[in-house]
Amino acid sequence: MVKIMREVHEEFSTLLKKRLTEIHTNEASVRFTFLAALLKQTNITSPEVILDCPHPKIRKAKVDTYITSTKERGELIFEFKYDREIPSGKETKGPKRAGKLFNDIYRLTQFDAKPNATRWLIYLTDAEMANYLRNPDNGLVDFFELPVGEVLRIDKNYIASKSATFQGAIVGSISVVDIGCIWKSVDIKCIRNEKMPIQHELRIYEIPPHSVA
């Protein structure tokens, strides 16, 4: 399965580079491009794919893509995020966008699935947000520049060290004070780190469920 998914990564990268240089791209089309690569490089069929799947634990929440398990492989759960300059040119708040990105991580950690399930965050960003995440003052360089194969532990102390705006965007209506109570330790792993056309960057992170610690 690991070899097959590596082939999916390569196909996705090829298709995404072509798309970014030739046609308007939004978050839905990033997801479509990834699924096109997945269906081409694996034996997964379209009836197995559920888009905007209701989250089993978080009320009213959904995950972008859920793929049922078979005898040969576990469930696949994917979240997609594409941060890009808005058409109006108005500057967006980096802390809020970063918090929403970690909200996707949170949803993946909370998604009940069998132990052999795969949970991925597929993140594409343009230069504006890439520069924000690379700025040491914002405390997220270790996340954005995590080398392929390396692991970053995200726990309540990591979250608490970020701005109130960042924390408030993670779980929506929950108070900042309570975030440390619900965010358990999780070790995320970078499985792709790549520069893309037009000053874009692609990251794919593997997200395990929350630990009990």
N, C-alpha and C. Protein backbone atom coordinates (compact mmCIF):
# COMPACT_ATOMS: atom_id res chain seq x y z
N MET A 1 0.84 -1.22 0.00
CA MET A 1 0.00 0.00 0.00
C MET A 1 0.86 1.26 0.00
N VAL A 2 2.00 1.21 0.74
CA VAL A 2 2.89 2.36 0.80
C VAL A 2 3.42 2.71 -0.58
N LYS A 3 3.85 1.69 -1.34
CA LYS A 3 4.36 1.92 -2.69
C LYS A 3 3.26 2.50 -3.58
N ILE A 4 2.07 1.95 -3.48
CA ILE A 4 0.95 2.44 -4.29
C ILE A 4 0.66 3.90 -3.97
N MET A 5 0.65 4.25 -2.69
CA MET A 5 0.33 5.62 -2.32
C MET A 5 1.44 6.58 -2.74
N ARG A 6 2.66 6.11 -2.81
CA ARG A 6 3.75 6.93 -3.34
C ARG A 6 3.48 7.26 -4.80
N GLU A 7 2.97 6.28 -5.53
CA GLU A 7 2.61 6.51 -6.93
C GLU A 7 1.45 7.50 -7.04
N VAL A 8 0.52 7.46 -6.09
CA VAL A 8 -0.58 8.42 -6.05
C VAL A 8 -0.01 9.83 -5.85
N HIS A 9 0.94 9.97 -4.92
CA HIS A 9 1.57 11.26 -4.69
C HIS A 9 2.19 11.82 -5.96
N GLU A 10 2.92 10.97 -6.68
CA GLU A 10 3.60 11.43 -7.88
C GLU A 10 2.60 11.86 -8.96
N GLU A 11 1.55 11.08 -9.12
CA GLU A 11 0.53 11.41 -10.11
C GLU A 11 -0.18 12.71 -9.72
N PHE A 12 -0.51 12.85 -8.45
CA PHE A 12 -1.16 14.05 -7.95
C PHE A 12 -0.27 15.27 -8.19
N SER A 13 1.01 15.15 -7.89
CA SER A 13 1.95 16.24 -8.09
C SER A 13 2.01 16.67 -9.55
N THR A 14 2.06 15.70 -10.44
CA THR A 14 2.11 16.00 -11.88
C THR A 14 0.86 16.72 -12.34
N LEU A 15 -0.30 16.21 -11.95
CA LEU A 15 -1.57 16.81 -12.35
C LEU A 15 -1.76 18.20 -11.75
N LEU A 16 -1.34 18.35 -10.50
CA LEU A 16 -1.52 19.63 -9.81
C LEU A 16 -0.63 20.72 -10.43
N LYS A 17 0.61 20.37 -10.76
CA LYS A 17 1.50 21.33 -11.40
C LYS A 17 0.92 21.81 -12.72
N LYS A 18 0.39 20.88 -13.48
CA LYS A 18 -0.21 21.23 -14.76
C LYS A 18 -1.42 22.14 -14.55
N ARG A 19 -2.22 21.80 -13.56
CA ARG A 19 -3.43 22.59 -13.31
C ARG A 19 -3.10 24.00 -12.87
N LEU A 20 -2.15 24.15 -11.95
CA LEU A 20 -1.81 25.46 -11.42
C LEU A 20 -1.30 26.41 -12.50
N THR A 21 -0.64 25.86 -13.50
CA THR A 21 -0.06 26.71 -14.54
C THR A 21 -1.02 26.98 -15.70
N GLU A 22 -2.13 26.23 -15.74
CA GLU A 22 -3.00 26.34 -16.92
C GLU A 22 -4.44 26.75 -16.64
N ILE A 23 -4.91 26.59 -15.42
CA ILE A 23 -6.34 26.80 -15.19
C ILE A 23 -6.59 27.28 -13.77
N HIS A 24 -7.69 28.01 -13.59
CA HIS A 24 -8.08 28.48 -12.25
C HIS A 24 -8.25 27.28 -11.32
N THR A 25 -7.73 27.44 -10.11
CA THR A 25 -7.76 26.35 -9.14
C THR A 25 -8.34 26.83 -7.82
N ASN A 26 -9.25 26.03 -7.27
CA ASN A 26 -9.77 26.30 -5.93
C ASN A 26 -9.66 25.01 -5.11
N GLU A 27 -10.14 25.05 -3.87
CA GLU A 27 -9.97 23.89 -2.99
C GLU A 27 -10.70 22.66 -3.52
N ALA A 28 -11.89 22.85 -4.09
CA ALA A 28 -12.64 21.71 -4.63
C ALA A 28 -11.88 21.05 -5.77
N SER A 29 -11.22 21.86 -6.60
CA SER A 29 -10.50 21.28 -7.73
C SER A 29 -9.21 20.60 -7.27
N VAL A 30 -8.63 21.05 -6.16
CA VAL A 30 -7.47 20.33 -5.59
C VAL A 30 -7.91 18.94 -5.15
N ARG A 31 -9.05 18.87 -4.49
CA ARG A 31 -9.58 17.57 -4.06
C ARG A 31 -9.88 16.69 -5.28
N PHE A 32 -10.51 17.26 -6.29
CA PHE A 32 -10.81 16.51 -7.51
C PHE A 32 -9.53 15.97 -8.16
N THR A 33 -8.50 16.80 -8.20
CA THR A 33 -7.23 16.39 -8.80
C THR A 33 -6.60 15.23 -8.03
N PHE A 34 -6.65 15.32 -6.70
CA PHE A 34 -6.10 14.23 -5.89
C PHE A 34 -6.88 12.94 -6.10
N LEU A 35 -8.20 13.03 -6.13
CA LEU A 35 -9.02 11.83 -6.30
C LEU A 35 -8.82 11.23 -7.69
N ALA A 36 -8.58 12.07 -8.69
CA ALA A 36 -8.29 11.56 -10.03
C ALA A 36 -7.01 10.73 -10.00
N ALA A 37 -6.00 11.21 -9.29
CA ALA A 37 -4.75 10.47 -9.15
C ALA A 37 -4.96 9.18 -8.37
N LEU A 38 -5.76 9.25 -7.32
CA LEU A 38 -6.02 8.07 -6.48
C LEU A 38 -6.73 6.98 -7.26
N LEU A 39 -7.75 7.35 -8.01
CA LEU A 39 -8.52 6.36 -8.76
C LEU A 39 -7.70 5.77 -9.91
N LYS A 40 -6.79 6.57 -10.46
CA LYS A 40 -5.96 6.08 -11.56
C LYS A 40 -4.90 5.10 -11.08
N GLN A 41 -4.31 5.36 -9.93
CA GLN A 41 -3.15 4.59 -9.47
C GLN A 41 -3.50 3.45 -8.52
N THR A 42 -4.75 3.31 -8.13
CA THR A 42 -5.15 2.24 -7.22
C THR A 42 -6.35 1.50 -7.80
N ASN A 43 -6.78 0.47 -7.08
CA ASN A 43 -7.99 -0.26 -7.50
C ASN A 43 -9.23 0.28 -6.79
N ILE A 44 -9.12 1.43 -6.16
CA ILE A 44 -10.28 2.06 -5.53
C ILE A 44 -11.24 2.52 -6.61
N THR A 45 -12.52 2.30 -6.38
CA THR A 45 -13.54 2.69 -7.37
C THR A 45 -14.38 3.85 -6.82
N SER A 46 -15.00 4.58 -7.70
CA SER A 46 -15.76 5.77 -7.29
C SER A 46 -16.88 5.46 -6.30
N PRO A 47 -17.59 4.29 -6.37
CA PRO A 47 -18.63 4.04 -5.37
C PRO A 47 -18.11 3.93 -3.94
N GLU A 48 -16.80 3.70 -3.78
CA GLU A 48 -16.22 3.60 -2.44
C GLU A 48 -15.95 4.97 -1.83
N VAL A 49 -16.00 6.01 -2.63
CA VAL A 49 -15.61 7.35 -2.20
C VAL A 49 -16.83 8.13 -1.71
N ILE A 50 -16.73 8.65 -0.49
CA ILE A 50 -17.79 9.48 0.08
C ILE A 50 -17.24 10.89 0.28
N LEU A 51 -17.85 11.86 -0.37
CA LEU A 51 -17.44 13.25 -0.23
C LEU A 51 -18.25 13.91 0.88
N ASP A 52 -17.58 14.80 1.62
CA ASP A 52 -18.25 15.54 2.71
C ASP A 52 -18.96 14.57 3.65
N CYS A 53 -18.20 13.64 4.14
CA CYS A 53 -18.75 12.60 5.02
C CYS A 53 -19.03 13.15 6.42
N PRO A 54 -20.23 12.93 6.97
CA PRO A 54 -20.52 13.39 8.33
C PRO A 54 -19.51 12.82 9.33
N HIS A 55 -19.04 13.69 10.21
CA HIS A 55 -18.06 13.28 11.21
C HIS A 55 -18.75 12.46 12.29
N PRO A 56 -18.16 11.33 12.69
CA PRO A 56 -18.84 10.47 13.67
C PRO A 56 -18.85 11.01 15.09
N LYS A 57 -18.00 12.01 15.40
CA LYS A 57 -17.92 12.48 16.78
C LYS A 57 -18.20 13.96 16.96
N ILE A 58 -17.94 14.75 15.93
CA ILE A 58 -18.10 16.20 16.07
C ILE A 58 -19.41 16.63 15.40
N ARG A 59 -20.31 17.16 16.18
CA ARG A 59 -21.65 17.51 15.70
C ARG A 59 -21.59 18.53 14.57
N LYS A 60 -22.29 18.27 13.50
CA LYS A 60 -22.41 19.11 12.32
C LYS A 60 -21.12 19.21 11.49
N ALA A 61 -20.07 18.55 11.93
CA ALA A 61 -18.80 18.60 11.18
C ALA A 61 -18.77 17.51 10.11
N LYS A 62 -17.94 17.73 9.11
CA LYS A 62 -17.75 16.75 8.04
C LYS A 62 -16.26 16.63 7.73
N VAL A 63 -15.87 15.52 7.15
CA VAL A 63 -14.52 15.40 6.59
C VAL A 63 -14.65 15.43 5.08
N ASP A 64 -13.64 15.97 4.42
CA ASP A 64 -13.73 16.19 2.98
C ASP A 64 -13.95 14.91 2.19
N THR A 65 -13.21 13.86 2.54
CA THR A 65 -13.32 12.61 1.79
C THR A 65 -13.11 11.41 2.70
N TYR A 66 -14.00 10.44 2.57
CA TYR A 66 -13.89 9.17 3.32
C TYR A 66 -14.02 8.03 2.32
N ILE A 67 -13.10 7.07 2.42
CA ILE A 67 -13.12 5.91 1.52
C ILE A 67 -13.19 4.65 2.36
N THR A 68 -14.17 3.84 2.07
CA THR A 68 -14.43 2.65 2.87
C THR A 68 -13.28 1.66 2.82
N SER A 69 -13.21 0.80 3.82
CA SER A 69 -12.14 -0.20 3.89
C SER A 69 -12.52 -1.45 3.09
N THR A 70 -11.50 -2.25 2.79
CA THR A 70 -11.68 -3.56 2.15
C THR A 70 -10.83 -4.56 2.92
N LYS A 71 -10.82 -5.79 2.46
CA LYS A 71 -9.96 -6.81 3.09
C LYS A 71 -8.49 -6.48 2.91
N GLU A 72 -8.17 -5.76 1.83
CA GLU A 72 -6.77 -5.48 1.50
C GLU A 72 -6.25 -4.20 2.15
N ARG A 73 -7.11 -3.27 2.53
CA ARG A 73 -6.64 -1.99 3.07
C ARG A 73 -7.66 -1.42 4.05
N GLY A 74 -7.17 -0.52 4.86
CA GLY A 74 -8.03 0.14 5.83
C GLY A 74 -8.76 1.33 5.24
N GLU A 75 -9.53 2.00 6.08
CA GLU A 75 -10.25 3.20 5.65
C GLU A 75 -9.26 4.32 5.31
N LEU A 76 -9.68 5.20 4.43
CA LEU A 76 -8.89 6.37 4.07
C LEU A 76 -9.70 7.62 4.37
N ILE A 77 -9.13 8.53 5.15
CA ILE A 77 -9.82 9.75 5.52
C ILE A 77 -8.92 10.93 5.15
N PHE A 78 -9.43 11.83 4.31
CA PHE A 78 -8.63 12.94 3.80
C PHE A 78 -9.30 14.28 4.10
N GLU A 79 -8.48 15.22 4.53
CA GLU A 79 -8.89 16.62 4.62
C GLU A 79 -8.03 17.42 3.65
N PHE A 80 -8.64 18.40 2.96
CA PHE A 80 -7.93 19.23 2.00
C PHE A 80 -8.03 20.69 2.44
N LYS A 81 -6.93 21.41 2.30
CA LYS A 81 -6.93 22.83 2.59
C LYS A 81 -6.09 23.54 1.52
N TYR A 82 -6.68 24.59 0.95
CA TYR A 82 -5.97 25.40 -0.03
C TYR A 82 -6.06 26.86 0.40
N ASP A 83 -4.96 27.41 0.85
CA ASP A 83 -4.90 28.81 1.23
C ASP A 83 -4.34 29.60 0.05
N ARG A 84 -5.11 30.58 -0.42
CA ARG A 84 -4.67 31.40 -1.55
C ARG A 84 -5.17 32.82 -1.39
N GLU A 85 -4.53 33.71 -2.10
CA GLU A 85 -4.94 35.10 -2.07
C GLU A 85 -6.38 35.22 -2.56
N ILE A 86 -7.20 35.96 -1.83
CA ILE A 86 -8.59 36.09 -2.24
C ILE A 86 -8.69 37.04 -3.43
N PRO A 87 -9.69 36.85 -4.30
CA PRO A 87 -9.78 37.64 -5.54
C PRO A 87 -9.78 39.15 -5.33
N SER A 88 -10.32 39.63 -4.22
CA SER A 88 -10.37 41.07 -3.97
C SER A 88 -9.01 41.66 -3.68
N GLY A 89 -8.05 40.79 -3.36
CA GLY A 89 -6.73 41.26 -3.01
C GLY A 89 -6.60 41.70 -1.56
N LYS A 90 -7.69 41.62 -0.81
CA LYS A 90 -7.67 42.00 0.59
C LYS A 90 -6.84 41.00 1.39
N GLU A 91 -5.98 41.52 2.24
CA GLU A 91 -5.11 40.64 3.03
C GLU A 91 -5.93 39.86 4.06
N THR A 92 -5.66 38.59 4.19
CA THR A 92 -6.37 37.76 5.16
C THR A 92 -5.51 37.56 6.40
N LYS A 93 -6.14 37.25 7.51
CA LYS A 93 -5.41 37.08 8.76
C LYS A 93 -4.72 35.73 8.82
N GLY A 94 -3.40 35.75 8.88
CA GLY A 94 -2.62 34.51 8.94
C GLY A 94 -2.96 33.64 10.14
N PRO A 95 -3.07 34.22 11.35
CA PRO A 95 -3.38 33.38 12.52
C PRO A 95 -4.70 32.63 12.38
N LYS A 96 -5.70 33.29 11.82
CA LYS A 96 -7.00 32.64 11.66
C LYS A 96 -6.91 31.50 10.66
N ARG A 97 -6.22 31.73 9.53
CA ARG A 97 -6.05 30.67 8.54
C ARG A 97 -5.27 29.49 9.13
N ALA A 98 -4.22 29.81 9.88
CA ALA A 98 -3.42 28.74 10.48
C ALA A 98 -4.25 27.95 11.48
N GLY A 99 -5.09 28.63 12.25
CA GLY A 99 -5.95 27.95 13.20
C GLY A 99 -6.93 27.02 12.50
N LYS A 100 -7.48 27.46 11.37
CA LYS A 100 -8.40 26.62 10.61
C LYS A 100 -7.69 25.40 10.03
N LEU A 101 -6.42 25.57 9.69
CA LEU A 101 -5.63 24.44 9.23
C LEU A 101 -5.49 23.39 10.33
N PHE A 102 -5.25 23.85 11.54
CA PHE A 102 -5.14 22.92 12.67
C PHE A 102 -6.51 22.38 13.07
N ASN A 103 -7.57 23.09 12.73
CA ASN A 103 -8.91 22.55 12.92
C ASN A 103 -9.09 21.29 12.07
N ASP A 104 -8.53 21.31 10.85
CA ASP A 104 -8.59 20.11 10.00
C ASP A 104 -7.85 18.95 10.65
N ILE A 105 -6.69 19.25 11.25
CA ILE A 105 -5.94 18.22 11.95
C ILE A 105 -6.77 17.66 13.10
N TYR A 106 -7.39 18.56 13.85
CA TYR A 106 -8.23 18.13 14.97
C TYR A 106 -9.34 17.20 14.52
N ARG A 107 -10.03 17.55 13.43
CA ARG A 107 -11.12 16.70 12.94
C ARG A 107 -10.60 15.31 12.56
N LEU A 108 -9.42 15.26 11.98
CA LEU A 108 -8.86 13.96 11.60
C LEU A 108 -8.52 13.12 12.83
N THR A 109 -7.96 13.75 13.86
CA THR A 109 -7.61 12.99 15.06
C THR A 109 -8.85 12.43 15.75
N GLN A 110 -9.99 13.12 15.59
CA GLN A 110 -11.22 12.72 16.27
C GLN A 110 -12.09 11.78 15.46
N PHE A 111 -11.66 11.44 14.25
CA PHE A 111 -12.47 10.58 13.39
C PHE A 111 -12.27 9.12 13.79
N ASP A 112 -13.31 8.50 14.32
CA ASP A 112 -13.23 7.10 14.74
C ASP A 112 -13.04 6.20 13.53
N ALA A 113 -12.03 5.36 13.57
CA ALA A 113 -11.77 4.43 12.48
C ALA A 113 -10.95 3.27 13.04
N LYS A 114 -10.79 2.24 12.24
CA LYS A 114 -10.02 1.08 12.68
C LYS A 114 -8.54 1.44 12.75
N PRO A 115 -7.74 0.66 13.52
CA PRO A 115 -6.32 1.00 13.71
C PRO A 115 -5.51 1.13 12.42
N ASN A 116 -5.91 0.42 11.37
CA ASN A 116 -5.13 0.47 10.13
C ASN A 116 -5.62 1.56 9.17
N ALA A 117 -6.44 2.47 9.66
CA ALA A 117 -6.94 3.56 8.81
C ALA A 117 -5.82 4.55 8.49
N THR A 118 -5.97 5.22 7.36
CA THR A 118 -5.03 6.27 6.95
C THR A 118 -5.75 7.61 7.01
N ARG A 119 -5.13 8.57 7.72
CA ARG A 119 -5.67 9.92 7.82
C ARG A 119 -4.64 10.89 7.28
N TRP A 120 -5.00 11.64 6.25
CA TRP A 120 -4.06 12.60 5.65
C TRP A 120 -4.65 13.99 5.62
N LEU A 121 -3.80 14.98 5.89
CA LEU A 121 -4.10 16.38 5.61
C LEU A 121 -3.30 16.76 4.37
N ILE A 122 -3.99 17.17 3.31
CA ILE A 122 -3.36 17.57 2.06
C ILE A 122 -3.48 19.08 1.96
N TYR A 123 -2.34 19.75 2.06
CA TYR A 123 -2.33 21.21 2.19
C TYR A 123 -1.57 21.87 1.04
N LEU A 124 -2.26 22.78 0.36
CA LEU A 124 -1.66 23.58 -0.71
C LEU A 124 -1.80 25.05 -0.32
N THR A 125 -0.73 25.81 -0.50
CA THR A 125 -0.79 27.23 -0.18
C THR A 125 0.00 28.05 -1.18
N ASP A 126 -0.40 29.31 -1.34
CA ASP A 126 0.39 30.22 -2.17
C ASP A 126 1.41 30.93 -1.28
N ALA A 127 2.11 31.91 -1.86
CA ALA A 127 3.24 32.53 -1.17
C ALA A 127 2.82 33.29 0.09
N GLU A 128 1.62 33.89 0.08
CA GLU A 128 1.21 34.70 1.23
C GLU A 128 1.20 33.88 2.52
N MET A 129 0.52 32.75 2.50
CA MET A 129 0.44 31.94 3.72
C MET A 129 1.74 31.19 3.97
N ALA A 130 2.45 30.82 2.91
CA ALA A 130 3.74 30.15 3.09
C ALA A 130 4.70 31.07 3.85
N ASN A 131 4.70 32.34 3.50
CA ASN A 131 5.57 33.29 4.19
C ASN A 131 5.17 33.46 5.65
N TYR A 132 3.86 33.44 5.91
CA TYR A 132 3.40 33.53 7.29
C TYR A 132 3.89 32.32 8.10
N LEU A 133 3.74 31.14 7.54
CA LEU A 133 4.11 29.92 8.26
C LEU A 133 5.62 29.80 8.44
N ARG A 134 6.38 30.43 7.55
CA ARG A 134 7.85 30.38 7.64
C ARG A 134 8.41 31.46 8.57
N ASN A 135 7.58 32.38 8.98
CA ASN A 135 8.04 33.46 9.85
C ASN A 135 8.24 32.93 11.27
N PRO A 136 9.46 32.95 11.79
CA PRO A 136 9.71 32.40 13.14
C PRO A 136 8.85 33.05 14.22
N ASP A 137 8.47 34.30 14.02
CA ASP A 137 7.66 35.00 15.03
C ASP A 137 6.30 34.35 15.24
N ASN A 138 5.84 33.57 14.26
CA ASN A 138 4.51 32.95 14.35
C ASN A 138 4.53 31.54 14.92
N GLY A 139 5.71 31.02 15.16
CA GLY A 139 5.84 29.73 15.86
C GLY A 139 5.37 28.51 15.12
N LEU A 140 5.38 28.55 13.78
CA LEU A 140 4.87 27.41 13.01
C LEU A 140 5.88 26.89 11.97
N VAL A 141 7.12 27.35 12.08
CA VAL A 141 8.15 26.88 11.14
C VAL A 141 8.35 25.38 11.27
N ASP A 142 8.35 24.88 12.49
CA ASP A 142 8.57 23.44 12.68
C ASP A 142 7.47 22.61 12.03
N PHE A 143 6.27 23.16 11.95
CA PHE A 143 5.16 22.47 11.28
C PHE A 143 5.32 22.54 9.76
N PHE A 144 5.51 23.75 9.23
CA PHE A 144 5.51 23.93 7.79
C PHE A 144 6.77 23.37 7.12
N GLU A 145 7.89 23.44 7.82
CA GLU A 145 9.15 22.96 7.25
C GLU A 145 9.55 21.58 7.78
N LEU A 146 8.59 20.84 8.30
CA LEU A 146 8.87 19.50 8.80
C LEU A 146 9.39 18.63 7.65
N PRO A 147 10.59 18.06 7.78
CA PRO A 147 11.14 17.24 6.69
C PRO A 147 10.32 15.97 6.47
N VAL A 148 10.34 15.47 5.25
CA VAL A 148 9.64 14.23 4.92
C VAL A 148 10.17 13.10 5.80
N GLY A 149 9.26 12.36 6.39
CA GLY A 149 9.63 11.25 7.25
C GLY A 149 9.79 11.61 8.71
N GLU A 150 9.84 12.92 9.00
CA GLU A 150 10.00 13.37 10.37
C GLU A 150 8.63 13.58 11.04
N VAL A 151 8.64 13.58 12.36
CA VAL A 151 7.42 13.66 13.16
C VAL A 151 7.46 14.91 14.04
N LEU A 152 6.33 15.57 14.18
CA LEU A 152 6.19 16.72 15.07
C LEU A 152 5.09 16.42 16.08
N ARG A 153 5.41 16.57 17.35
CA ARG A 153 4.40 16.37 18.40
C ARG A 153 3.63 17.67 18.62
N ILE A 154 2.32 17.57 18.50
CA ILE A 154 1.45 18.71 18.77
C ILE A 154 0.62 18.37 20.00
N ASP A 155 0.80 19.12 21.05
CA ASP A 155 0.05 18.89 22.29
C ASP A 155 -0.53 20.21 22.78
N LYS A 156 -1.14 20.18 23.95
CA LYS A 156 -1.81 21.38 24.44
C LYS A 156 -0.83 22.52 24.69
N ASN A 157 0.42 22.20 25.03
CA ASN A 157 1.41 23.24 25.23
C ASN A 157 1.79 23.91 23.91
N TYR A 158 1.86 23.11 22.86
CA TYR A 158 2.16 23.64 21.53
C TYR A 158 1.05 24.60 21.10
N ILE A 159 -0.19 24.19 21.30
CA ILE A 159 -1.33 25.02 20.93
C ILE A 159 -1.38 26.29 21.79
N ALA A 160 -1.12 26.13 23.07
CA ALA A 160 -1.21 27.26 24.00
C ALA A 160 -0.17 28.33 23.72
N SER A 161 0.92 27.97 23.03
CA SER A 161 1.98 28.93 22.75
C SER A 161 1.65 29.85 21.58
N LYS A 162 0.53 29.58 20.89
CA LYS A 162 0.14 30.38 19.73
C LYS A 162 -0.84 31.49 20.14
N SER A 163 -1.14 32.36 19.20
CA SER A 163 -1.98 33.52 19.49
C SER A 163 -3.42 33.10 19.81
N ALA A 164 -4.14 34.00 20.46
CA ALA A 164 -5.54 33.74 20.80
C ALA A 164 -6.38 33.59 19.54
N THR A 165 -6.05 34.35 18.49
CA THR A 165 -6.78 34.23 17.22
C THR A 165 -6.59 32.85 16.63
N PHE A 166 -5.36 32.36 16.65
CA PHE A 166 -5.06 31.01 16.16
C PHE A 166 -5.85 29.97 16.94
N GLN A 167 -5.79 30.05 18.25
CA GLN A 167 -6.48 29.07 19.09
C GLN A 167 -7.99 29.11 18.89
N GLY A 168 -8.53 30.32 18.76
CA GLY A 168 -9.97 30.46 18.61
C GLY A 168 -10.49 29.88 17.31
N ALA A 169 -9.63 29.79 16.29
CA ALA A 169 -10.05 29.25 14.99
C ALA A 169 -9.98 27.73 14.93
N ILE A 170 -9.37 27.12 15.90
CA ILE A 170 -9.16 25.67 15.84
C ILE A 170 -10.46 24.89 15.96
N VAL A 171 -11.23 25.19 16.97
CA VAL A 171 -12.43 24.39 17.22
C VAL A 171 -13.68 25.26 17.21
N GLY A 172 -13.60 26.39 16.55
CA GLY A 172 -14.79 27.22 16.36
C GLY A 172 -15.30 27.84 17.64
N SER A 173 -16.46 27.37 18.09
CA SER A 173 -17.15 28.04 19.20
C SER A 173 -16.57 27.73 20.57
N ILE A 174 -15.72 26.72 20.68
CA ILE A 174 -15.18 26.39 21.99
C ILE A 174 -14.26 27.51 22.48
N SER A 175 -14.24 27.76 23.76
CA SER A 175 -13.42 28.85 24.29
C SER A 175 -11.94 28.48 24.23
N VAL A 176 -11.12 29.50 24.14
CA VAL A 176 -9.68 29.29 24.09
C VAL A 176 -9.20 28.54 25.33
N VAL A 177 -9.79 28.85 26.48
CA VAL A 177 -9.39 28.22 27.73
C VAL A 177 -9.57 26.71 27.67
N ASP A 178 -10.63 26.25 26.98
CA ASP A 178 -10.96 24.82 26.96
C ASP A 178 -10.18 24.03 25.92
N ILE A 179 -9.50 24.68 25.00
CA ILE A 179 -8.80 23.95 23.95
C ILE A 179 -7.76 23.00 24.53
N GLY A 180 -7.03 23.46 25.55
CA GLY A 180 -6.02 22.60 26.17
C GLY A 180 -6.61 21.36 26.79
N CYS A 181 -7.89 21.41 27.15
CA CYS A 181 -8.53 20.25 27.78
C CYS A 181 -8.91 19.17 26.77
N ILE A 182 -9.19 19.58 25.53
CA ILE A 182 -9.64 18.60 24.54
C ILE A 182 -8.53 18.17 23.59
N TRP A 183 -7.47 18.99 23.49
CA TRP A 183 -6.41 18.66 22.53
C TRP A 183 -5.37 17.78 23.22
N LYS A 184 -5.38 16.51 22.90
CA LYS A 184 -4.41 15.58 23.45
C LYS A 184 -3.17 15.56 22.55
N SER A 185 -2.16 14.85 22.99
CA SER A 185 -0.91 14.77 22.23
C SER A 185 -1.10 13.96 20.96
N VAL A 186 -0.57 14.48 19.83
CA VAL A 186 -0.63 13.76 18.57
C VAL A 186 0.68 14.00 17.82
N ASP A 187 1.24 12.96 17.24
CA ASP A 187 2.48 13.05 16.48
C ASP A 187 2.16 13.00 14.99
N ILE A 188 2.25 14.15 14.33
CA ILE A 188 1.97 14.19 12.90
C ILE A 188 3.26 13.94 12.12
N LYS A 189 3.14 13.32 10.96
CA LYS A 189 4.30 12.97 10.15
C LYS A 189 4.17 13.60 8.77
N CYS A 190 5.23 14.25 8.31
CA CYS A 190 5.23 14.81 6.96
C CYS A 190 5.57 13.71 5.96
N ILE A 191 4.72 13.53 4.96
CA ILE A 191 4.99 12.50 3.95
C ILE A 191 5.20 13.10 2.56
N ARG A 192 5.00 14.43 2.44
CA ARG A 192 5.37 15.12 1.19
C ARG A 192 5.58 16.60 1.48
N ASN A 193 6.67 17.14 0.94
CA ASN A 193 7.03 18.54 1.12
C ASN A 193 7.61 18.99 -0.21
N GLU A 194 6.85 19.81 -0.96
CA GLU A 194 7.24 20.09 -2.34
C GLU A 194 6.88 21.51 -2.77
N LYS A 195 7.80 22.13 -3.49
CA LYS A 195 7.51 23.41 -4.12
C LYS A 195 6.73 23.16 -5.39
N MET A 196 5.74 24.03 -5.63
CA MET A 196 4.87 23.92 -6.80
C MET A 196 4.98 25.19 -7.63
N PRO A 197 4.38 25.21 -8.83
CA PRO A 197 4.42 26.42 -9.67
C PRO A 197 3.75 27.62 -9.03
N ILE A 198 4.09 28.80 -9.51
CA ILE A 198 3.48 30.07 -9.11
C ILE A 198 3.60 30.28 -7.60
N GLN A 199 4.79 29.98 -7.07
CA GLN A 199 5.09 30.19 -5.65
C GLN A 199 4.13 29.46 -4.72
N HIS A 200 3.67 28.31 -5.14
CA HIS A 200 2.82 27.47 -4.29
C HIS A 200 3.69 26.42 -3.58
N GLU A 201 3.15 25.90 -2.52
CA GLU A 201 3.81 24.84 -1.76
C GLU A 201 2.78 23.76 -1.43
N LEU A 202 3.23 22.51 -1.52
CA LEU A 202 2.37 21.37 -1.19
C LEU A 202 2.94 20.63 0.01
N ARG A 203 2.08 20.32 0.95
CA ARG A 203 2.45 19.50 2.09
C ARG A 203 1.38 18.41 2.26
N ILE A 204 1.83 17.22 2.58
CA ILE A 204 0.91 16.15 2.97
C ILE A 204 1.38 15.61 4.31
N TYR A 205 0.47 15.60 5.27
CA TYR A 205 0.79 15.12 6.61
C TYR A 205 -0.06 13.89 6.93
N GLU A 206 0.56 12.94 7.58
CA GLU A 206 -0.16 11.77 8.09
C GLU A 206 -0.55 12.05 9.53
N ILE A 207 -1.84 11.89 9.82
CA ILE A 207 -2.37 12.28 11.13
C ILE A 207 -2.91 11.05 11.85
N PRO A 208 -2.28 10.63 12.94
CA PRO A 208 -2.85 9.52 13.71
C PRO A 208 -3.97 10.03 14.61
N PRO A 209 -4.74 9.12 15.20
CA PRO A 209 -5.73 9.57 16.18
C PRO A 209 -5.01 10.12 17.41
N HIS A 210 -5.72 10.92 18.22
CA HIS A 210 -5.12 11.43 19.47
C HIS A 210 -4.63 10.27 20.32
N SER A 211 -3.50 10.50 20.96
CA SER A 211 -3.06 9.54 21.97
C SER A 211 -3.90 9.76 23.22
N VAL A 212 -3.75 8.87 24.18
CA VAL A 212 -4.52 9.00 25.42
C VAL A 212 -3.76 9.83 26.44
N ALA A 213 -2.52 10.18 26.11
CA ALA A 213 -1.70 10.93 27.07
C ALA A 213 -2.16 12.38 27.15
